[in-house]
N, C-alpha and C. Protein backbone atom coordinates (compact mmCIF):
# COMPACT_ATOMS: atom_id res chain seq x y z
N MET A 1 13.77 12.27 12.83
CA MET A 1 13.90 10.85 12.49
C MET A 1 13.23 10.54 11.16
N ALA A 2 12.11 11.19 10.88
CA ALA A 2 11.36 10.88 9.66
C ALA A 2 12.21 11.06 8.41
N GLU A 3 13.04 12.11 8.41
CA GLU A 3 13.89 12.33 7.24
C GLU A 3 14.91 11.20 7.09
N ASN A 4 15.44 10.72 8.22
CA ASN A 4 16.39 9.62 8.17
C ASN A 4 15.72 8.35 7.64
N VAL A 5 14.49 8.09 8.07
CA VAL A 5 13.74 6.93 7.58
C VAL A 5 13.54 7.07 6.07
N ARG A 6 13.09 8.23 5.66
CA ARG A 6 12.85 8.45 4.22
C ARG A 6 14.12 8.24 3.42
N ASP A 7 15.21 8.85 3.86
CA ASP A 7 16.47 8.74 3.13
C ASP A 7 16.94 7.29 3.04
N LYS A 8 16.83 6.55 4.14
CA LYS A 8 17.30 5.16 4.16
C LYS A 8 16.42 4.28 3.28
N VAL A 9 15.10 4.48 3.34
CA VAL A 9 14.20 3.69 2.48
C VAL A 9 14.49 3.98 1.01
N ILE A 10 14.68 5.25 0.67
CA ILE A 10 15.00 5.60 -0.71
C ILE A 10 16.33 4.98 -1.13
N GLU A 11 17.29 4.98 -0.24
CA GLU A 11 18.59 4.37 -0.53
C GLU A 11 18.43 2.87 -0.81
N ILE A 12 17.64 2.19 0.00
CA ILE A 12 17.41 0.75 -0.19
C ILE A 12 16.69 0.50 -1.52
N ILE A 13 15.67 1.28 -1.81
CA ILE A 13 14.92 1.12 -3.06
C ILE A 13 15.82 1.40 -4.25
N ALA A 14 16.63 2.44 -4.16
CA ALA A 14 17.56 2.78 -5.25
C ALA A 14 18.53 1.63 -5.50
N GLU A 15 19.01 1.04 -4.42
CA GLU A 15 19.94 -0.09 -4.56
C GLU A 15 19.27 -1.26 -5.28
N GLN A 16 18.03 -1.57 -4.92
CA GLN A 16 17.32 -2.67 -5.57
C GLN A 16 17.03 -2.36 -7.03
N ALA A 17 16.78 -1.09 -7.33
CA ALA A 17 16.45 -0.69 -8.71
C ALA A 17 17.70 -0.42 -9.53
N VAL A 18 18.87 -0.49 -8.90
CA VAL A 18 20.15 -0.15 -9.54
C VAL A 18 20.06 1.25 -10.15
N LEU A 19 19.64 2.20 -9.31
CA LEU A 19 19.50 3.60 -9.69
C LEU A 19 20.26 4.47 -8.71
N ASP A 20 20.53 5.70 -9.12
CA ASP A 20 21.06 6.68 -8.18
C ASP A 20 19.92 7.13 -7.28
N VAL A 21 20.24 7.46 -6.06
CA VAL A 21 19.23 7.90 -5.10
C VAL A 21 18.43 9.08 -5.67
N GLU A 22 19.10 9.96 -6.39
CA GLU A 22 18.44 11.14 -6.96
C GLU A 22 17.37 10.77 -8.00
N ASP A 23 17.45 9.56 -8.55
CA ASP A 23 16.51 9.13 -9.59
C ASP A 23 15.24 8.49 -9.02
N VAL A 24 15.19 8.32 -7.71
CA VAL A 24 14.02 7.70 -7.06
C VAL A 24 13.07 8.81 -6.61
N ARG A 25 11.95 8.93 -7.32
CA ARG A 25 10.93 9.94 -6.98
C ARG A 25 9.97 9.37 -5.95
N MET A 26 9.47 10.23 -5.08
CA MET A 26 8.54 9.79 -4.04
C MET A 26 7.24 9.26 -4.63
N ASP A 27 6.82 9.78 -5.80
CA ASP A 27 5.56 9.33 -6.40
C ASP A 27 5.73 8.14 -7.33
N ALA A 28 6.95 7.64 -7.47
CA ALA A 28 7.20 6.51 -8.36
C ALA A 28 6.69 5.20 -7.76
N THR A 29 6.20 4.32 -8.62
CA THR A 29 5.84 2.98 -8.18
C THR A 29 7.08 2.09 -8.31
N LEU A 30 7.05 0.96 -7.63
CA LEU A 30 8.18 0.03 -7.74
C LEU A 30 8.30 -0.47 -9.17
N ASP A 31 7.18 -0.67 -9.82
CA ASP A 31 7.17 -1.12 -11.21
C ASP A 31 7.86 -0.09 -12.11
N GLU A 32 7.55 1.17 -11.90
CA GLU A 32 8.19 2.24 -12.69
C GLU A 32 9.70 2.27 -12.48
N LEU A 33 10.13 1.86 -11.29
CA LEU A 33 11.56 1.84 -10.98
C LEU A 33 12.23 0.56 -11.44
N GLY A 34 11.45 -0.37 -11.95
CA GLY A 34 12.00 -1.62 -12.45
C GLY A 34 12.22 -2.67 -11.38
N ILE A 35 11.52 -2.55 -10.25
CA ILE A 35 11.66 -3.52 -9.17
C ILE A 35 10.57 -4.57 -9.31
N ASP A 36 10.99 -5.82 -9.50
CA ASP A 36 10.03 -6.92 -9.63
C ASP A 36 9.74 -7.51 -8.25
N SER A 37 8.99 -8.60 -8.23
CA SER A 37 8.58 -9.18 -6.95
C SER A 37 9.78 -9.66 -6.13
N LEU A 38 10.80 -10.19 -6.78
CA LEU A 38 12.00 -10.62 -6.04
C LEU A 38 12.72 -9.40 -5.47
N GLY A 39 12.80 -8.35 -6.25
CA GLY A 39 13.42 -7.11 -5.76
C GLY A 39 12.65 -6.53 -4.59
N LEU A 40 11.31 -6.65 -4.65
CA LEU A 40 10.47 -6.18 -3.55
C LEU A 40 10.80 -6.95 -2.28
N VAL A 41 10.89 -8.26 -2.38
CA VAL A 41 11.20 -9.10 -1.21
C VAL A 41 12.56 -8.71 -0.65
N GLU A 42 13.54 -8.53 -1.53
CA GLU A 42 14.88 -8.16 -1.07
C GLU A 42 14.86 -6.78 -0.41
N ALA A 43 14.09 -5.85 -0.98
CA ALA A 43 13.98 -4.50 -0.39
C ALA A 43 13.33 -4.58 0.98
N ILE A 44 12.29 -5.38 1.11
CA ILE A 44 11.61 -5.52 2.41
C ILE A 44 12.56 -6.12 3.45
N PHE A 45 13.32 -7.14 3.06
CA PHE A 45 14.29 -7.72 4.00
C PHE A 45 15.31 -6.66 4.43
N ALA A 46 15.78 -5.85 3.47
CA ALA A 46 16.76 -4.81 3.78
C ALA A 46 16.15 -3.75 4.69
N ILE A 47 14.89 -3.39 4.46
CA ILE A 47 14.20 -2.41 5.31
C ILE A 47 14.04 -2.97 6.72
N GLU A 48 13.62 -4.23 6.81
CA GLU A 48 13.47 -4.85 8.14
C GLU A 48 14.79 -4.83 8.90
N GLU A 49 15.87 -5.17 8.21
CA GLU A 49 17.17 -5.21 8.86
C GLU A 49 17.64 -3.80 9.25
N ALA A 50 17.45 -2.84 8.37
CA ALA A 50 17.93 -1.47 8.63
C ALA A 50 17.22 -0.83 9.81
N PHE A 51 15.93 -1.12 9.97
CA PHE A 51 15.14 -0.45 11.00
C PHE A 51 14.75 -1.37 12.16
N ASP A 52 15.18 -2.63 12.11
CA ASP A 52 14.84 -3.61 13.14
C ASP A 52 13.32 -3.65 13.37
N ILE A 53 12.61 -3.79 12.25
CA ILE A 53 11.15 -3.89 12.28
C ILE A 53 10.74 -5.17 11.55
N SER A 54 9.47 -5.49 11.67
CA SER A 54 8.93 -6.64 10.97
C SER A 54 7.80 -6.17 10.06
N VAL A 55 8.03 -6.27 8.76
CA VAL A 55 7.01 -5.90 7.77
C VAL A 55 6.05 -7.08 7.65
N PRO A 56 4.75 -6.82 7.62
CA PRO A 56 3.78 -7.92 7.49
C PRO A 56 4.11 -8.80 6.28
N PHE A 57 4.04 -10.11 6.45
CA PHE A 57 4.44 -11.03 5.39
C PHE A 57 3.57 -10.89 4.15
N ASN A 58 2.40 -10.33 4.29
CA ASN A 58 1.49 -10.18 3.15
C ASN A 58 1.46 -8.74 2.66
N ALA A 59 2.57 -8.03 2.76
CA ALA A 59 2.63 -6.62 2.39
C ALA A 59 2.31 -6.40 0.91
N ASN A 60 2.49 -7.43 0.10
CA ASN A 60 2.21 -7.25 -1.33
C ASN A 60 0.72 -7.38 -1.63
N ASP A 61 -0.11 -7.63 -0.63
CA ASP A 61 -1.57 -7.70 -0.82
C ASP A 61 -2.21 -6.60 0.02
N PRO A 62 -2.46 -5.42 -0.59
CA PRO A 62 -2.95 -4.28 0.17
C PRO A 62 -4.26 -4.51 0.90
N SER A 63 -5.06 -5.47 0.48
CA SER A 63 -6.32 -5.72 1.17
C SER A 63 -6.10 -6.46 2.49
N GLU A 64 -4.93 -7.03 2.67
CA GLU A 64 -4.63 -7.83 3.86
C GLU A 64 -3.81 -7.08 4.91
N THR A 65 -3.27 -5.93 4.57
CA THR A 65 -2.39 -5.22 5.49
C THR A 65 -2.46 -3.73 5.25
N ASP A 66 -2.02 -2.95 6.22
CA ASP A 66 -1.96 -1.51 6.01
C ASP A 66 -0.56 -1.07 5.59
N PHE A 67 0.31 -2.02 5.26
CA PHE A 67 1.63 -1.70 4.72
C PHE A 67 1.49 -1.51 3.22
N ASP A 68 1.41 -0.26 2.79
CA ASP A 68 1.13 0.10 1.40
C ASP A 68 2.42 0.15 0.59
N ILE A 69 2.47 -0.60 -0.52
CA ILE A 69 3.66 -0.58 -1.38
C ILE A 69 3.34 0.03 -2.74
N SER A 70 2.31 0.88 -2.80
CA SER A 70 1.88 1.41 -4.09
C SER A 70 2.83 2.47 -4.66
N SER A 71 3.64 3.08 -3.80
CA SER A 71 4.60 4.08 -4.27
C SER A 71 5.73 4.19 -3.25
N VAL A 72 6.78 4.88 -3.64
CA VAL A 72 7.89 5.09 -2.72
C VAL A 72 7.39 5.85 -1.49
N ALA A 73 6.57 6.88 -1.70
CA ALA A 73 6.04 7.66 -0.57
C ALA A 73 5.22 6.78 0.37
N ALA A 74 4.42 5.88 -0.19
CA ALA A 74 3.60 4.99 0.63
C ALA A 74 4.48 4.04 1.46
N ILE A 75 5.55 3.55 0.86
CA ILE A 75 6.46 2.66 1.58
C ILE A 75 7.14 3.43 2.71
N VAL A 76 7.61 4.64 2.42
CA VAL A 76 8.24 5.46 3.45
C VAL A 76 7.27 5.69 4.60
N SER A 77 6.04 6.03 4.29
CA SER A 77 5.03 6.27 5.32
C SER A 77 4.78 5.02 6.15
N ALA A 78 4.67 3.87 5.49
CA ALA A 78 4.43 2.61 6.21
C ALA A 78 5.60 2.27 7.12
N VAL A 79 6.82 2.48 6.64
CA VAL A 79 8.00 2.20 7.47
C VAL A 79 8.04 3.16 8.65
N GLU A 80 7.75 4.44 8.41
CA GLU A 80 7.72 5.41 9.52
C GLU A 80 6.71 4.97 10.58
N HIS A 81 5.56 4.47 10.13
CA HIS A 81 4.52 4.00 11.05
C HIS A 81 5.03 2.82 11.89
N LEU A 82 5.67 1.85 11.24
CA LEU A 82 6.18 0.68 11.96
C LEU A 82 7.29 1.07 12.93
N VAL A 83 8.15 1.99 12.53
CA VAL A 83 9.23 2.45 13.40
C VAL A 83 8.65 3.17 14.63
N ALA A 84 7.63 4.00 14.40
CA ALA A 84 6.97 4.70 15.50
C ALA A 84 6.29 3.74 16.46
N GLU A 85 5.63 2.71 15.91
CA GLU A 85 4.98 1.70 16.75
C GLU A 85 5.99 0.98 17.63
N GLN A 86 7.13 0.68 17.05
CA GLN A 86 8.18 -0.04 17.79
C GLN A 86 8.73 0.81 18.92
N ALA A 87 8.77 2.12 18.71
CA ALA A 87 9.33 3.02 19.72
C ALA A 87 8.40 3.20 20.92
N GLU A 88 7.13 2.84 20.78
CA GLU A 88 6.17 3.02 21.87
C GLU A 88 6.40 2.04 23.00
């Protein structure tokens, strides 16, 4: 399942960044990919819909939540965590 989560999150991020999936590196930040705050919100909505999860509303403030948006890898990890929590 983890690979499917990773692939889908990368696909969503690539769509928001108007990039090919192959151009989205796991260590890239959203800023490096050209995703602004509106793009982040749209990506989060798409992630929530794709995985039927609820991302904390304050995800853009790392001191307020454990949903880390500092890199693509961090977002994938956070989504995997939320998906796993939901499955329990």
